[in-house]
N, C-alpha and C. Protein backbone atom coordinates (compact mmCIF):
# COMPACT_ATOMS: atom_id res chain seq x y z
N THR A 1 -11.78 -12.57 -12.22
CA THR A 1 -12.20 -13.57 -11.26
C THR A 1 -13.58 -13.22 -10.74
N PRO A 2 -14.30 -14.17 -10.17
CA PRO A 2 -15.63 -13.88 -9.63
C PRO A 2 -15.61 -12.79 -8.55
N GLU A 3 -14.55 -12.74 -7.76
CA GLU A 3 -14.45 -11.71 -6.72
C GLU A 3 -14.41 -10.31 -7.33
N ASP A 4 -13.86 -10.18 -8.54
CA ASP A 4 -13.74 -8.88 -9.18
C ASP A 4 -15.08 -8.35 -9.67
N GLN A 5 -16.07 -9.20 -9.85
CA GLN A 5 -17.36 -8.77 -10.38
C GLN A 5 -18.05 -7.76 -9.46
N ALA A 6 -17.82 -7.85 -8.17
CA ALA A 6 -18.46 -6.93 -7.23
C ALA A 6 -17.87 -5.53 -7.31
N GLN A 7 -16.64 -5.40 -7.71
CA GLN A 7 -15.98 -4.09 -7.77
C GLN A 7 -15.08 -4.05 -9.00
N HIS A 8 -15.59 -3.49 -10.09
CA HIS A 8 -14.82 -3.45 -11.33
C HIS A 8 -13.66 -2.45 -11.26
N VAL A 9 -13.89 -1.30 -10.65
CA VAL A 9 -12.86 -0.27 -10.57
C VAL A 9 -12.00 -0.54 -9.35
N LYS A 10 -10.71 -0.71 -9.57
CA LYS A 10 -9.79 -1.06 -8.48
C LYS A 10 -8.90 0.10 -8.06
N GLY A 11 -9.03 1.25 -8.72
CA GLY A 11 -8.21 2.38 -8.32
C GLY A 11 -8.24 3.49 -9.35
N ARG A 12 -7.44 4.51 -9.05
CA ARG A 12 -7.32 5.64 -9.96
C ARG A 12 -5.94 6.24 -9.80
N ALA A 13 -5.53 6.94 -10.84
CA ALA A 13 -4.25 7.67 -10.80
C ALA A 13 -4.50 9.07 -11.33
N GLY A 14 -4.18 10.05 -10.54
CA GLY A 14 -4.26 11.45 -10.96
C GLY A 14 -2.84 11.97 -11.14
N ILE A 15 -2.61 12.68 -12.24
CA ILE A 15 -1.26 13.16 -12.55
C ILE A 15 -1.27 14.69 -12.58
N VAL A 16 -0.33 15.30 -11.87
CA VAL A 16 -0.22 16.75 -11.79
C VAL A 16 1.19 17.15 -12.18
N SER A 17 1.30 18.18 -13.01
CA SER A 17 2.61 18.70 -13.40
C SER A 17 3.17 19.56 -12.27
N VAL A 18 4.37 19.23 -11.82
CA VAL A 18 5.03 19.99 -10.77
C VAL A 18 6.00 21.00 -11.39
N SER A 19 6.63 20.61 -12.49
CA SER A 19 7.52 21.48 -13.25
C SER A 19 7.53 20.99 -14.69
N LYS A 20 8.35 21.60 -15.53
CA LYS A 20 8.40 21.19 -16.93
C LYS A 20 8.94 19.77 -17.11
N THR A 21 9.66 19.29 -16.12
CA THR A 21 10.26 17.95 -16.24
C THR A 21 9.88 17.00 -15.12
N LEU A 22 8.84 17.35 -14.34
CA LEU A 22 8.45 16.49 -13.23
C LEU A 22 6.93 16.48 -13.07
N ALA A 23 6.39 15.28 -13.00
CA ALA A 23 4.96 15.09 -12.73
C ALA A 23 4.83 14.24 -11.47
N LEU A 24 3.79 14.52 -10.70
CA LEU A 24 3.50 13.76 -9.49
C LEU A 24 2.24 12.93 -9.76
N ILE A 25 2.32 11.64 -9.48
CA ILE A 25 1.20 10.73 -9.72
C ILE A 25 0.63 10.29 -8.38
N ASP A 26 -0.65 10.57 -8.17
CA ASP A 26 -1.36 10.18 -6.96
C ASP A 26 -2.12 8.90 -7.29
N ILE A 27 -1.66 7.78 -6.76
CA ILE A 27 -2.26 6.48 -7.07
C ILE A 27 -3.01 5.96 -5.84
N THR A 28 -4.27 5.60 -6.04
CA THR A 28 -5.09 4.99 -5.00
C THR A 28 -5.59 3.65 -5.51
N LEU A 29 -5.39 2.60 -4.73
CA LEU A 29 -5.84 1.25 -5.09
C LEU A 29 -6.82 0.76 -4.03
N ASN A 30 -7.87 0.05 -4.46
CA ASN A 30 -8.90 -0.44 -3.54
C ASN A 30 -9.33 -1.85 -3.90
N GLY A 31 -9.77 -2.61 -2.90
CA GLY A 31 -10.35 -3.92 -3.12
C GLY A 31 -9.37 -4.96 -3.61
N LEU A 32 -8.15 -4.92 -3.09
CA LEU A 32 -7.10 -5.84 -3.53
C LEU A 32 -6.54 -6.63 -2.35
N PRO A 33 -5.91 -7.76 -2.63
CA PRO A 33 -5.20 -8.48 -1.57
C PRO A 33 -4.04 -7.63 -1.04
N LYS A 34 -3.72 -7.81 0.22
CA LYS A 34 -2.62 -7.09 0.84
C LYS A 34 -1.32 -7.37 0.10
N GLY A 35 -0.48 -6.33 -0.07
CA GLY A 35 0.81 -6.53 -0.71
C GLY A 35 1.36 -5.25 -1.30
N THR A 36 2.48 -5.39 -1.99
CA THR A 36 3.12 -4.27 -2.67
C THR A 36 2.77 -4.36 -4.15
N TYR A 37 2.33 -3.24 -4.71
CA TYR A 37 1.94 -3.16 -6.11
C TYR A 37 2.84 -2.16 -6.82
N TYR A 38 3.16 -2.48 -8.07
CA TYR A 38 4.13 -1.70 -8.84
C TYR A 38 3.48 -1.11 -10.08
N PRO A 39 3.25 0.21 -10.09
CA PRO A 39 2.72 0.84 -11.30
C PRO A 39 3.84 1.03 -12.32
N SER A 40 3.50 0.88 -13.59
CA SER A 40 4.46 1.18 -14.65
C SER A 40 3.74 1.85 -15.80
N ILE A 41 4.37 2.86 -16.34
CA ILE A 41 3.87 3.53 -17.53
C ILE A 41 4.46 2.79 -18.71
N ARG A 42 3.61 2.41 -19.66
CA ARG A 42 4.02 1.55 -20.76
C ARG A 42 4.20 2.35 -22.05
N THR A 43 4.87 1.77 -23.02
CA THR A 43 5.15 2.46 -24.29
C THR A 43 3.92 2.59 -25.17
N SER A 44 2.91 1.76 -24.96
CA SER A 44 1.70 1.78 -25.78
C SER A 44 0.47 1.99 -24.91
N GLY A 45 -0.59 2.48 -25.51
CA GLY A 45 -1.86 2.64 -24.81
C GLY A 45 -2.90 1.65 -25.28
N ASP A 46 -2.48 0.62 -26.00
CA ASP A 46 -3.40 -0.39 -26.55
C ASP A 46 -3.75 -1.39 -25.46
N ILE A 47 -4.99 -1.33 -24.96
CA ILE A 47 -5.40 -2.26 -23.91
C ILE A 47 -6.29 -3.38 -24.44
N CYS A 48 -6.35 -3.54 -25.77
CA CYS A 48 -7.19 -4.58 -26.37
C CYS A 48 -6.80 -5.98 -25.92
N ASP A 49 -5.52 -6.24 -25.76
CA ASP A 49 -5.04 -7.55 -25.33
C ASP A 49 -4.05 -7.36 -24.18
N ALA A 50 -4.46 -6.51 -23.24
CA ALA A 50 -3.58 -6.17 -22.13
C ALA A 50 -3.39 -7.37 -21.21
N PRO A 51 -2.26 -7.48 -20.57
CA PRO A 51 -1.20 -6.49 -20.53
C PRO A 51 -0.18 -6.61 -21.66
N GLN A 52 -0.21 -7.68 -22.45
CA GLN A 52 0.81 -7.88 -23.49
C GLN A 52 0.82 -6.73 -24.50
N SER A 53 -0.34 -6.21 -24.85
CA SER A 53 -0.43 -5.18 -25.89
C SER A 53 0.03 -3.80 -25.41
N LEU A 54 0.37 -3.66 -24.13
CA LEU A 54 0.81 -2.36 -23.61
C LEU A 54 2.27 -2.05 -23.94
N GLY A 55 2.99 -3.00 -24.46
CA GLY A 55 4.39 -2.77 -24.80
C GLY A 55 5.29 -2.80 -23.59
N GLY A 56 6.51 -2.33 -23.80
CA GLY A 56 7.52 -2.34 -22.75
C GLY A 56 7.35 -1.21 -21.76
N VAL A 57 8.25 -1.18 -20.79
CA VAL A 57 8.21 -0.16 -19.75
C VAL A 57 8.74 1.16 -20.30
N TYR A 58 7.96 2.22 -20.15
CA TYR A 58 8.40 3.59 -20.45
C TYR A 58 9.00 4.19 -19.18
N GLN A 59 8.31 4.01 -18.06
CA GLN A 59 8.80 4.43 -16.75
C GLN A 59 8.20 3.53 -15.67
N ALA A 60 8.96 3.30 -14.63
CA ALA A 60 8.46 2.56 -13.46
C ALA A 60 8.64 3.47 -12.25
N PRO A 61 7.61 4.24 -11.91
CA PRO A 61 7.78 5.32 -10.93
C PRO A 61 7.81 4.96 -9.45
N GLY A 62 7.67 3.72 -9.05
CA GLY A 62 7.71 3.41 -7.62
C GLY A 62 6.79 2.28 -7.25
N SER A 63 6.27 2.32 -6.03
CA SER A 63 5.39 1.24 -5.56
C SER A 63 4.30 1.80 -4.66
N VAL A 64 3.27 0.98 -4.46
CA VAL A 64 2.14 1.33 -3.59
C VAL A 64 1.94 0.18 -2.61
N GLU A 65 1.93 0.49 -1.33
CA GLU A 65 1.66 -0.52 -0.30
C GLU A 65 0.15 -0.59 -0.09
N VAL A 66 -0.41 -1.75 -0.30
CA VAL A 66 -1.84 -1.98 -0.08
C VAL A 66 -1.96 -2.78 1.20
N ASN A 67 -2.37 -2.10 2.29
CA ASN A 67 -2.42 -2.78 3.58
C ASN A 67 -3.48 -2.25 4.53
N GLU A 68 -4.28 -1.28 4.08
CA GLU A 68 -5.36 -0.77 4.92
C GLU A 68 -6.61 -1.57 4.65
N SER A 69 -7.26 -2.07 5.70
CA SER A 69 -8.44 -2.92 5.53
C SER A 69 -9.62 -2.12 5.00
N ASP A 70 -10.24 -2.64 3.92
CA ASP A 70 -11.44 -2.02 3.35
C ASP A 70 -12.68 -2.40 4.16
N SER A 71 -12.74 -3.64 4.56
CA SER A 71 -13.92 -4.15 5.27
C SER A 71 -13.63 -5.56 5.76
N ALA A 72 -14.66 -6.25 6.12
CA ALA A 72 -14.51 -7.64 6.56
C ALA A 72 -14.28 -8.59 5.40
N SER A 73 -14.23 -8.07 4.18
CA SER A 73 -14.09 -8.92 2.99
C SER A 73 -12.69 -9.49 2.83
N GLY A 74 -11.73 -8.99 3.60
CA GLY A 74 -10.36 -9.46 3.45
C GLY A 74 -9.60 -8.75 2.34
N LEU A 75 -10.19 -7.68 1.80
CA LEU A 75 -9.52 -6.90 0.76
C LEU A 75 -9.01 -5.60 1.37
N PHE A 76 -8.04 -4.99 0.69
CA PHE A 76 -7.33 -3.86 1.27
C PHE A 76 -7.20 -2.71 0.28
N SER A 77 -6.73 -1.57 0.78
CA SER A 77 -6.51 -0.40 -0.06
C SER A 77 -5.17 0.23 0.30
N GLY A 78 -4.71 1.10 -0.58
CA GLY A 78 -3.46 1.81 -0.34
C GLY A 78 -3.36 3.02 -1.25
N GLN A 79 -2.48 3.93 -0.89
CA GLN A 79 -2.31 5.17 -1.66
C GLN A 79 -0.85 5.57 -1.60
N ALA A 80 -0.36 6.15 -2.69
CA ALA A 80 1.02 6.64 -2.72
C ALA A 80 1.14 7.76 -3.73
N PHE A 81 2.08 8.65 -3.49
CA PHE A 81 2.49 9.65 -4.46
C PHE A 81 3.81 9.18 -5.04
N VAL A 82 3.88 9.06 -6.36
CA VAL A 82 5.12 8.66 -7.02
C VAL A 82 5.49 9.71 -8.05
N LYS A 83 6.77 9.80 -8.37
CA LYS A 83 7.27 10.82 -9.30
C LYS A 83 7.51 10.24 -10.68
N SER A 84 7.22 11.05 -11.69
CA SER A 84 7.53 10.72 -13.07
C SER A 84 8.36 11.87 -13.63
N GLU A 85 9.59 11.59 -13.99
CA GLU A 85 10.48 12.65 -14.46
C GLU A 85 10.28 12.88 -15.96
N THR A 86 9.14 13.50 -16.27
CA THR A 86 8.79 13.81 -17.65
C THR A 86 7.66 14.83 -17.66
N GLN A 87 7.36 15.35 -18.83
CA GLN A 87 6.21 16.24 -18.99
C GLN A 87 4.95 15.39 -19.12
N ILE A 88 3.85 15.88 -18.60
CA ILE A 88 2.60 15.15 -18.69
C ILE A 88 2.24 14.88 -20.15
N SER A 89 2.52 15.82 -21.04
CA SER A 89 2.15 15.65 -22.45
C SER A 89 2.79 14.41 -23.06
N SER A 90 3.94 13.97 -22.55
CA SER A 90 4.57 12.76 -23.09
C SER A 90 3.95 11.48 -22.53
N LEU A 91 3.06 11.62 -21.53
CA LEU A 91 2.39 10.45 -20.94
C LEU A 91 1.02 10.19 -21.55
N ILE A 92 0.39 11.23 -22.10
CA ILE A 92 -0.97 11.10 -22.65
C ILE A 92 -1.00 10.03 -23.74
N GLY A 93 -1.94 9.12 -23.63
CA GLY A 93 -2.11 8.05 -24.62
C GLY A 93 -1.33 6.79 -24.30
N ARG A 94 -0.45 6.84 -23.33
CA ARG A 94 0.29 5.64 -22.93
C ARG A 94 -0.56 4.83 -21.95
N GLY A 95 -0.23 3.57 -21.82
CA GLY A 95 -0.93 2.73 -20.87
C GLY A 95 -0.25 2.78 -19.51
N MET A 96 -1.01 2.44 -18.49
CA MET A 96 -0.45 2.25 -17.16
C MET A 96 -0.90 0.88 -16.68
N ALA A 97 0.03 0.13 -16.14
CA ALA A 97 -0.27 -1.18 -15.58
C ALA A 97 0.16 -1.19 -14.12
N VAL A 98 -0.59 -1.87 -13.29
CA VAL A 98 -0.24 -2.04 -11.88
C VAL A 98 -0.21 -3.54 -11.63
N SER A 99 0.95 -4.04 -11.20
CA SER A 99 1.15 -5.47 -11.04
C SER A 99 1.79 -5.77 -9.69
N THR A 100 1.72 -7.01 -9.28
CA THR A 100 2.35 -7.42 -8.02
C THR A 100 3.83 -7.72 -8.19
N SER A 101 4.34 -7.60 -9.39
CA SER A 101 5.76 -7.84 -9.66
C SER A 101 6.39 -6.57 -10.21
N PRO A 102 7.59 -6.21 -9.73
CA PRO A 102 8.24 -5.01 -10.26
C PRO A 102 8.82 -5.22 -11.66
N ASP A 103 9.01 -6.45 -12.07
CA ASP A 103 9.68 -6.74 -13.34
C ASP A 103 8.77 -7.26 -14.43
N VAL A 104 7.65 -7.87 -14.06
CA VAL A 104 6.76 -8.52 -15.03
C VAL A 104 5.33 -8.05 -14.79
N VAL A 105 4.65 -7.67 -15.87
CA VAL A 105 3.24 -7.34 -15.74
C VAL A 105 2.46 -8.64 -15.85
N LYS A 106 1.86 -9.04 -14.75
CA LYS A 106 1.15 -10.32 -14.68
C LYS A 106 -0.16 -10.26 -15.47
N PRO A 107 -0.69 -11.42 -15.89
CA PRO A 107 -1.92 -11.44 -16.69
C PRO A 107 -3.12 -10.74 -16.06
N HIS A 108 -3.23 -10.74 -14.73
CA HIS A 108 -4.36 -10.09 -14.07
C HIS A 108 -4.02 -8.70 -13.55
N ALA A 109 -3.04 -8.04 -14.19
CA ALA A 109 -2.65 -6.70 -13.78
C ALA A 109 -3.80 -5.72 -14.02
N LEU A 110 -3.80 -4.65 -13.24
CA LEU A 110 -4.75 -3.56 -13.46
C LEU A 110 -4.19 -2.71 -14.59
N VAL A 111 -5.02 -2.32 -15.55
CA VAL A 111 -4.53 -1.55 -16.68
C VAL A 111 -5.48 -0.40 -17.01
N GLY A 112 -4.94 0.62 -17.63
CA GLY A 112 -5.72 1.76 -18.09
C GLY A 112 -4.90 2.59 -19.04
N VAL A 113 -5.53 3.60 -19.61
CA VAL A 113 -4.86 4.50 -20.55
C VAL A 113 -4.83 5.89 -19.92
N ILE A 114 -3.69 6.54 -20.00
CA ILE A 114 -3.54 7.89 -19.46
C ILE A 114 -4.18 8.86 -20.44
N ALA A 115 -5.13 9.64 -19.95
CA ALA A 115 -5.86 10.59 -20.79
C ALA A 115 -5.85 11.97 -20.16
N ARG A 116 -6.01 12.97 -20.99
CA ARG A 116 -6.12 14.33 -20.50
C ARG A 116 -7.50 14.52 -19.89
N SER A 117 -7.56 15.27 -18.81
CA SER A 117 -8.82 15.55 -18.14
C SER A 117 -9.01 17.05 -18.07
N ALA A 118 -10.08 17.46 -17.45
CA ALA A 118 -10.36 18.88 -17.27
C ALA A 118 -9.36 19.49 -16.28
N GLY A 119 -9.39 20.79 -16.16
CA GLY A 119 -8.53 21.49 -15.23
C GLY A 119 -8.94 21.23 -13.79
N VAL A 120 -8.18 21.78 -12.87
CA VAL A 120 -8.43 21.60 -11.44
C VAL A 120 -9.85 22.07 -11.10
N TRP A 121 -10.57 21.24 -10.39
CA TRP A 121 -11.94 21.47 -9.91
C TRP A 121 -12.97 21.58 -11.04
N GLU A 122 -12.62 21.25 -12.27
CA GLU A 122 -13.56 21.37 -13.38
C GLU A 122 -14.26 20.06 -13.71
N ASN A 123 -13.88 18.95 -13.11
CA ASN A 123 -14.46 17.66 -13.44
C ASN A 123 -14.58 16.84 -12.16
N ASP A 124 -15.39 17.31 -11.24
CA ASP A 124 -15.53 16.68 -9.93
C ASP A 124 -16.19 15.32 -10.06
N LYS A 125 -15.57 14.30 -9.49
CA LYS A 125 -16.09 12.93 -9.53
C LYS A 125 -16.63 12.58 -8.14
N THR A 126 -17.89 12.88 -7.89
CA THR A 126 -18.47 12.56 -6.58
C THR A 126 -19.57 11.55 -6.70
């Protein structure tokens, strides 16, 4: 939409391994209408024709409340920690979608691919 042109990046998700079978996902969303957003890890990482090309749900780890005012623009932000009961290595290469529906990934969902990054403090994004 034209409103999206001002801010292409709508959020980020950082994933940290807590144990061999548990990962913690730190999700931050910005510049969105107020509401509840539902992240889902998908079976595919193909974002060429997203969200349809992302495949089915691999995991649906929770929700993010977007209700903190960003500015006078009427857009909001939110943050949440959600759990994924799996090893991080099984998430690499899969897609992640964030939608306003817990059951359906809507056409204007936020999408990305889960990729490996550098170690702690080795890839500072400032």
